[in-house]
Amino acid sequence: MPSETLIRDWLTQRVAEYLERPPADIDPSAMLAEYGMDSVYAISLCGDIEAEYDLDVEPTLAWTHPTIDAIAAHLGERVGDRPAPDAVLPDQPTPTDLRVLPDQPTPTDLPA
């Protein structure tokens, strides 16, 4: 699961590509509107975020979170709320938790 720092770096790279500037010229604390980020770029950025992080985001994301720092913090919280892809949730039994009761067929006892 990516950290907020990795998300910020990825967002900075994406915004720099849209604006055709070097990433070093992008201040993550600056308002995206100050860089001339328009609604077309903002919607495109939302699509990139959805594809990269497998999240549904509102098309107004760049207006409700108007800086890269704000978007990264928001996404960091959302990504952090999801379990890791291979994680077993606490209320799900693992194979070692399953017990065979006496007089119950086991998988090897069942007909094929």
N, C-alpha and C. Protein backbone atom coordinates (compact mmCIF):
# COMPACT_ATOMS: atom_id res chain seq x y z
N MET A 1 0.86 -1.16 0.00
CA MET A 1 0.00 0.00 0.00
C MET A 1 0.91 1.24 0.00
N PRO A 2 0.67 2.15 -0.94
CA PRO A 2 1.57 3.30 -1.07
C PRO A 2 1.42 4.30 0.07
N SER A 3 2.52 4.90 0.43
CA SER A 3 2.49 5.93 1.48
C SER A 3 2.02 7.25 0.87
N GLU A 4 1.68 8.18 1.74
CA GLU A 4 1.30 9.51 1.28
C GLU A 4 2.44 10.16 0.49
N THR A 5 3.68 9.90 0.89
CA THR A 5 4.83 10.46 0.18
C THR A 5 4.92 9.91 -1.24
N LEU A 6 4.72 8.61 -1.40
CA LEU A 6 4.75 8.02 -2.74
C LEU A 6 3.61 8.55 -3.60
N ILE A 7 2.44 8.71 -2.99
CA ILE A 7 1.30 9.26 -3.72
C ILE A 7 1.61 10.69 -4.15
N ARG A 8 2.18 11.49 -3.25
CA ARG A 8 2.53 12.89 -3.57
C ARG A 8 3.52 12.92 -4.73
N ASP A 9 4.53 12.06 -4.68
CA ASP A 9 5.53 12.03 -5.76
C ASP A 9 4.88 11.65 -7.09
N TRP A 10 3.99 10.66 -7.05
CA TRP A 10 3.30 10.23 -8.27
C TRP A 10 2.43 11.37 -8.81
N LEU A 11 1.68 12.03 -7.93
CA LEU A 11 0.83 13.15 -8.35
C LEU A 11 1.66 14.29 -8.94
N THR A 12 2.78 14.60 -8.32
CA THR A 12 3.66 15.66 -8.82
C THR A 12 4.13 15.32 -10.23
N GLN A 13 4.50 14.09 -10.44
CA GLN A 13 4.94 13.64 -11.76
C GLN A 13 3.82 13.78 -12.79
N ARG A 14 2.61 13.35 -12.42
CA ARG A 14 1.46 13.44 -13.34
C ARG A 14 1.14 14.89 -13.68
N VAL A 15 1.09 15.75 -12.67
CA VAL A 15 0.78 17.16 -12.90
C VAL A 15 1.87 17.79 -13.77
N ALA A 16 3.11 17.46 -13.52
CA ALA A 16 4.21 18.00 -14.33
C ALA A 16 4.06 17.58 -15.79
N GLU A 17 3.65 16.34 -16.02
CA GLU A 17 3.44 15.87 -17.39
C GLU A 17 2.31 16.65 -18.07
N TYR A 18 1.21 16.85 -17.36
CA TYR A 18 0.11 17.62 -17.94
C TYR A 18 0.53 19.04 -18.29
N LEU A 19 1.33 19.64 -17.42
CA LEU A 19 1.72 21.04 -17.60
C LEU A 19 2.99 21.19 -18.44
N GLU A 20 3.57 20.05 -18.85
CA GLU A 20 4.80 20.03 -19.64
C GLU A 20 5.91 20.83 -18.96
N ARG A 21 6.10 20.50 -17.68
CA ARG A 21 7.15 21.13 -16.86
C ARG A 21 7.92 20.03 -16.16
N PRO A 22 9.13 20.33 -15.71
CA PRO A 22 9.87 19.36 -14.90
C PRO A 22 9.19 19.21 -13.53
N PRO A 23 9.16 18.00 -12.98
CA PRO A 23 8.55 17.80 -11.66
C PRO A 23 9.16 18.71 -10.59
N ALA A 24 10.44 19.05 -10.71
CA ALA A 24 11.09 19.91 -9.72
C ALA A 24 10.48 21.32 -9.69
N ASP A 25 9.80 21.70 -10.77
CA ASP A 25 9.17 23.02 -10.84
C ASP A 25 7.78 23.05 -10.20
N ILE A 26 7.29 21.90 -9.77
CA ILE A 26 5.93 21.80 -9.22
C ILE A 26 6.02 21.81 -7.70
N ASP A 27 5.38 22.78 -7.09
CA ASP A 27 5.31 22.88 -5.62
C ASP A 27 4.04 22.17 -5.16
N PRO A 28 4.17 21.07 -4.42
CA PRO A 28 2.99 20.32 -3.99
C PRO A 28 2.04 21.09 -3.08
N SER A 29 2.52 22.20 -2.50
CA SER A 29 1.65 22.98 -1.62
C SER A 29 0.95 24.13 -2.37
N ALA A 30 1.30 24.32 -3.64
CA ALA A 30 0.69 25.40 -4.43
C ALA A 30 -0.68 24.95 -4.95
N MET A 31 -1.56 25.93 -5.12
CA MET A 31 -2.88 25.65 -5.68
C MET A 31 -2.70 25.21 -7.13
N LEU A 32 -3.35 24.12 -7.49
CA LEU A 32 -3.25 23.62 -8.86
C LEU A 32 -3.73 24.66 -9.87
N ALA A 33 -4.72 25.45 -9.50
CA ALA A 33 -5.23 26.49 -10.39
C ALA A 33 -4.15 27.52 -10.73
N GLU A 34 -3.20 27.74 -9.81
CA GLU A 34 -2.11 28.68 -10.05
C GLU A 34 -1.21 28.22 -11.20
N TYR A 35 -1.18 26.91 -11.42
CA TYR A 35 -0.39 26.35 -12.51
C TYR A 35 -1.18 26.31 -13.82
N GLY A 36 -2.43 26.75 -13.78
CA GLY A 36 -3.25 26.72 -14.98
C GLY A 36 -3.94 25.38 -15.21
N MET A 37 -4.03 24.57 -14.16
CA MET A 37 -4.71 23.28 -14.26
C MET A 37 -6.19 23.57 -14.51
N ASP A 38 -6.70 23.20 -15.67
CA ASP A 38 -8.10 23.45 -15.97
C ASP A 38 -8.94 22.20 -15.72
N SER A 39 -10.23 22.31 -16.00
CA SER A 39 -11.14 21.20 -15.69
C SER A 39 -10.82 19.95 -16.51
N VAL A 40 -10.36 20.11 -17.73
CA VAL A 40 -10.01 18.95 -18.56
C VAL A 40 -8.86 18.18 -17.92
N TYR A 41 -7.81 18.89 -17.49
CA TYR A 41 -6.68 18.24 -16.83
C TYR A 41 -7.11 17.64 -15.49
N ALA A 42 -7.97 18.34 -14.77
CA ALA A 42 -8.41 17.84 -13.47
C ALA A 42 -9.19 16.54 -13.62
N ILE A 43 -10.06 16.46 -14.62
CA ILE A 43 -10.83 15.23 -14.86
C ILE A 43 -9.89 14.11 -15.31
N SER A 44 -8.94 14.45 -16.15
CA SER A 44 -7.95 13.46 -16.60
C SER A 44 -7.15 12.93 -15.42
N LEU A 45 -6.78 13.83 -14.50
CA LEU A 45 -6.04 13.42 -13.31
C LEU A 45 -6.88 12.45 -12.47
N CYS A 46 -8.17 12.71 -12.36
CA CYS A 46 -9.06 11.80 -11.61
C CYS A 46 -9.05 10.41 -12.25
N GLY A 47 -9.10 10.37 -13.57
CA GLY A 47 -9.04 9.08 -14.26
C GLY A 47 -7.73 8.36 -14.01
N ASP A 48 -6.63 9.11 -14.01
CA ASP A 48 -5.32 8.51 -13.72
C ASP A 48 -5.27 7.95 -12.31
N ILE A 49 -5.83 8.70 -11.36
CA ILE A 49 -5.85 8.25 -9.96
C ILE A 49 -6.67 6.97 -9.83
N GLU A 50 -7.82 6.94 -10.47
CA GLU A 50 -8.67 5.75 -10.42
C GLU A 50 -7.94 4.53 -10.98
N ALA A 51 -7.24 4.73 -12.10
CA ALA A 51 -6.51 3.62 -12.72
C ALA A 51 -5.31 3.19 -11.88
N GLU A 52 -4.59 4.14 -11.34
CA GLU A 52 -3.37 3.82 -10.58
C GLU A 52 -3.65 3.19 -9.23
N TYR A 53 -4.67 3.70 -8.53
CA TYR A 53 -4.92 3.28 -7.15
C TYR A 53 -6.20 2.47 -6.97
N ASP A 54 -6.88 2.17 -8.06
CA ASP A 54 -8.11 1.38 -8.01
C ASP A 54 -9.11 1.97 -7.02
N LEU A 55 -9.31 3.28 -7.15
CA LEU A 55 -10.24 4.02 -6.31
C LEU A 55 -11.23 4.76 -7.19
N ASP A 56 -12.44 4.93 -6.73
CA ASP A 56 -13.38 5.83 -7.38
C ASP A 56 -13.22 7.19 -6.73
N VAL A 57 -12.97 8.20 -7.54
CA VAL A 57 -12.85 9.56 -7.00
C VAL A 57 -13.85 10.46 -7.71
N GLU A 58 -14.27 11.46 -7.00
CA GLU A 58 -15.21 12.44 -7.55
C GLU A 58 -14.48 13.32 -8.57
N PRO A 59 -15.16 13.71 -9.64
CA PRO A 59 -14.51 14.57 -10.63
C PRO A 59 -14.16 15.95 -10.08
N THR A 60 -14.70 16.29 -8.93
CA THR A 60 -14.40 17.58 -8.29
C THR A 60 -13.20 17.50 -7.34
N LEU A 61 -12.50 16.39 -7.35
CA LEU A 61 -11.39 16.17 -6.41
C LEU A 61 -10.39 17.34 -6.38
N ALA A 62 -10.02 17.85 -7.55
CA ALA A 62 -9.02 18.92 -7.60
C ALA A 62 -9.56 20.25 -7.07
N TRP A 63 -10.88 20.36 -6.93
CA TRP A 63 -11.45 21.58 -6.36
C TRP A 63 -11.67 21.42 -4.86
N THR A 64 -12.06 20.24 -4.43
CA THR A 64 -12.24 20.02 -2.99
C THR A 64 -10.91 19.83 -2.27
N HIS A 65 -9.90 19.40 -3.00
CA HIS A 65 -8.54 19.24 -2.48
C HIS A 65 -7.62 19.93 -3.49
N PRO A 66 -7.45 21.25 -3.37
CA PRO A 66 -6.86 22.05 -4.45
C PRO A 66 -5.34 22.03 -4.60
N THR A 67 -4.65 21.24 -3.79
CA THR A 67 -3.19 21.15 -3.93
C THR A 67 -2.80 19.68 -4.02
N ILE A 68 -1.61 19.44 -4.51
CA ILE A 68 -1.11 18.06 -4.55
C ILE A 68 -1.02 17.51 -3.14
N ASP A 69 -0.55 18.32 -2.19
CA ASP A 69 -0.46 17.87 -0.80
C ASP A 69 -1.83 17.44 -0.27
N ALA A 70 -2.86 18.22 -0.57
CA ALA A 70 -4.20 17.90 -0.08
C ALA A 70 -4.75 16.63 -0.74
N ILE A 71 -4.51 16.48 -2.03
CA ILE A 71 -4.97 15.27 -2.73
C ILE A 71 -4.23 14.06 -2.18
N ALA A 72 -2.92 14.19 -1.99
CA ALA A 72 -2.12 13.06 -1.48
C ALA A 72 -2.59 12.65 -0.08
N ALA A 73 -2.88 13.62 0.77
CA ALA A 73 -3.37 13.30 2.12
C ALA A 73 -4.72 12.58 2.04
N HIS A 74 -5.60 13.08 1.19
CA HIS A 74 -6.92 12.46 1.02
C HIS A 74 -6.79 11.03 0.49
N LEU A 75 -5.99 10.85 -0.54
CA LEU A 75 -5.81 9.51 -1.11
C LEU A 75 -5.09 8.59 -0.13
N GLY A 76 -4.12 9.13 0.60
CA GLY A 76 -3.41 8.32 1.59
C GLY A 76 -4.35 7.74 2.63
N GLU A 77 -5.33 8.54 3.05
CA GLU A 77 -6.33 8.05 4.01
C GLU A 77 -7.19 6.96 3.37
N ARG A 78 -7.60 7.18 2.15
CA ARG A 78 -8.49 6.22 1.48
C ARG A 78 -7.77 4.92 1.16
N VAL A 79 -6.55 5.01 0.69
CA VAL A 79 -5.78 3.81 0.38
C VAL A 79 -5.44 3.07 1.67
N GLY A 80 -5.16 3.82 2.74
CA GLY A 80 -4.83 3.22 4.03
C GLY A 80 -5.99 2.50 4.68
N ASP A 81 -7.22 2.84 4.29
CA ASP A 81 -8.41 2.18 4.85
C ASP A 81 -8.67 0.82 4.25
N ARG A 82 -8.03 0.54 3.13
CA ARG A 82 -8.28 -0.75 2.46
C ARG A 82 -7.32 -1.80 2.98
N PRO A 83 -7.79 -3.04 3.10
CA PRO A 83 -6.86 -4.10 3.48
C PRO A 83 -5.90 -4.39 2.34
N ALA A 84 -4.73 -4.89 2.67
CA ALA A 84 -3.79 -5.30 1.64
C ALA A 84 -4.44 -6.38 0.80
N PRO A 85 -4.10 -6.48 -0.49
CA PRO A 85 -4.79 -7.41 -1.38
C PRO A 85 -4.81 -8.86 -0.89
N ASP A 86 -3.74 -9.32 -0.25
CA ASP A 86 -3.69 -10.71 0.20
C ASP A 86 -3.96 -10.86 1.69
N ALA A 87 -4.41 -9.79 2.32
CA ALA A 87 -4.65 -9.84 3.76
C ALA A 87 -5.88 -10.67 4.07
N VAL A 88 -5.82 -11.39 5.17
CA VAL A 88 -6.98 -12.13 5.66
C VAL A 88 -7.63 -11.26 6.72
N LEU A 89 -8.89 -10.98 6.54
CA LEU A 89 -9.60 -10.17 7.51
C LEU A 89 -9.75 -10.95 8.81
N PRO A 90 -9.75 -10.27 9.97
CA PRO A 90 -9.77 -10.96 11.26
C PRO A 90 -10.97 -11.89 11.46
N ASP A 91 -12.12 -11.58 10.87
CA ASP A 91 -13.29 -12.42 11.11
C ASP A 91 -13.39 -13.58 10.12
N GLN A 92 -12.39 -13.76 9.27
CA GLN A 92 -12.39 -14.87 8.34
C GLN A 92 -11.48 -15.97 8.86
N PRO A 93 -11.94 -17.21 8.85
CA PRO A 93 -11.09 -18.29 9.35
C PRO A 93 -9.95 -18.57 8.37
N THR A 94 -8.83 -18.92 8.92
CA THR A 94 -7.71 -19.38 8.11
C THR A 94 -7.77 -20.90 8.09
N PRO A 95 -7.06 -21.55 7.17
CA PRO A 95 -7.12 -23.02 7.13
C PRO A 95 -6.74 -23.67 8.46
N THR A 96 -5.86 -23.06 9.24
CA THR A 96 -5.48 -23.65 10.51
C THR A 96 -6.57 -23.48 11.57
N ASP A 97 -7.51 -22.56 11.34
CA ASP A 97 -8.61 -22.36 12.28
C ASP A 97 -9.73 -23.38 12.08
N LEU A 98 -9.78 -23.99 10.92
CA LEU A 98 -10.86 -24.92 10.62
C LEU A 98 -10.58 -26.26 11.30
N ARG A 99 -11.54 -26.77 11.96
CA ARG A 99 -11.39 -28.04 12.66
C ARG A 99 -12.39 -29.04 12.07
N VAL A 100 -11.99 -30.25 11.94
CA VAL A 100 -12.90 -31.31 11.48
C VAL A 100 -13.53 -31.91 12.72
N LEU A 101 -14.84 -31.90 12.73
CA LEU A 101 -15.56 -32.48 13.85
C LEU A 101 -15.60 -33.99 13.69
N PRO A 102 -15.65 -34.73 14.81
CA PRO A 102 -15.76 -36.19 14.71
C PRO A 102 -17.01 -36.56 13.91
N ASP A 103 -16.92 -37.63 13.17
CA ASP A 103 -18.02 -38.16 12.37
C ASP A 103 -18.43 -37.23 11.22
N GLN A 104 -17.61 -36.27 10.88
CA GLN A 104 -17.88 -35.39 9.73
C GLN A 104 -16.92 -35.77 8.62
N PRO A 105 -17.40 -35.82 7.38
CA PRO A 105 -16.50 -36.19 6.29
C PRO A 105 -15.45 -35.11 6.07
N THR A 106 -14.27 -35.53 5.74
CA THR A 106 -13.20 -34.60 5.38
C THR A 106 -13.16 -34.53 3.86
N PRO A 107 -12.51 -33.56 3.28
CA PRO A 107 -12.46 -33.47 1.82
C PRO A 107 -11.94 -34.75 1.15
N THR A 108 -11.07 -35.48 1.82
CA THR A 108 -10.56 -36.71 1.22
C THR A 108 -11.57 -37.84 1.31
N ASP A 109 -12.60 -37.73 2.18
CA ASP A 109 -13.61 -38.76 2.32
C ASP A 109 -14.76 -38.59 1.32
N LEU A 110 -14.87 -37.43 0.72
CA LEU A 110 -15.99 -37.14 -0.17
C LEU A 110 -15.78 -37.82 -1.53
N PRO A 111 -16.88 -38.29 -2.13
CA PRO A 111 -16.72 -38.91 -3.46
C PRO A 111 -16.34 -37.87 -4.48
N ALA A 112 -15.63 -38.30 -5.50
CA ALA A 112 -15.16 -37.37 -6.55
C ALA A 112 -16.24 -37.06 -7.55
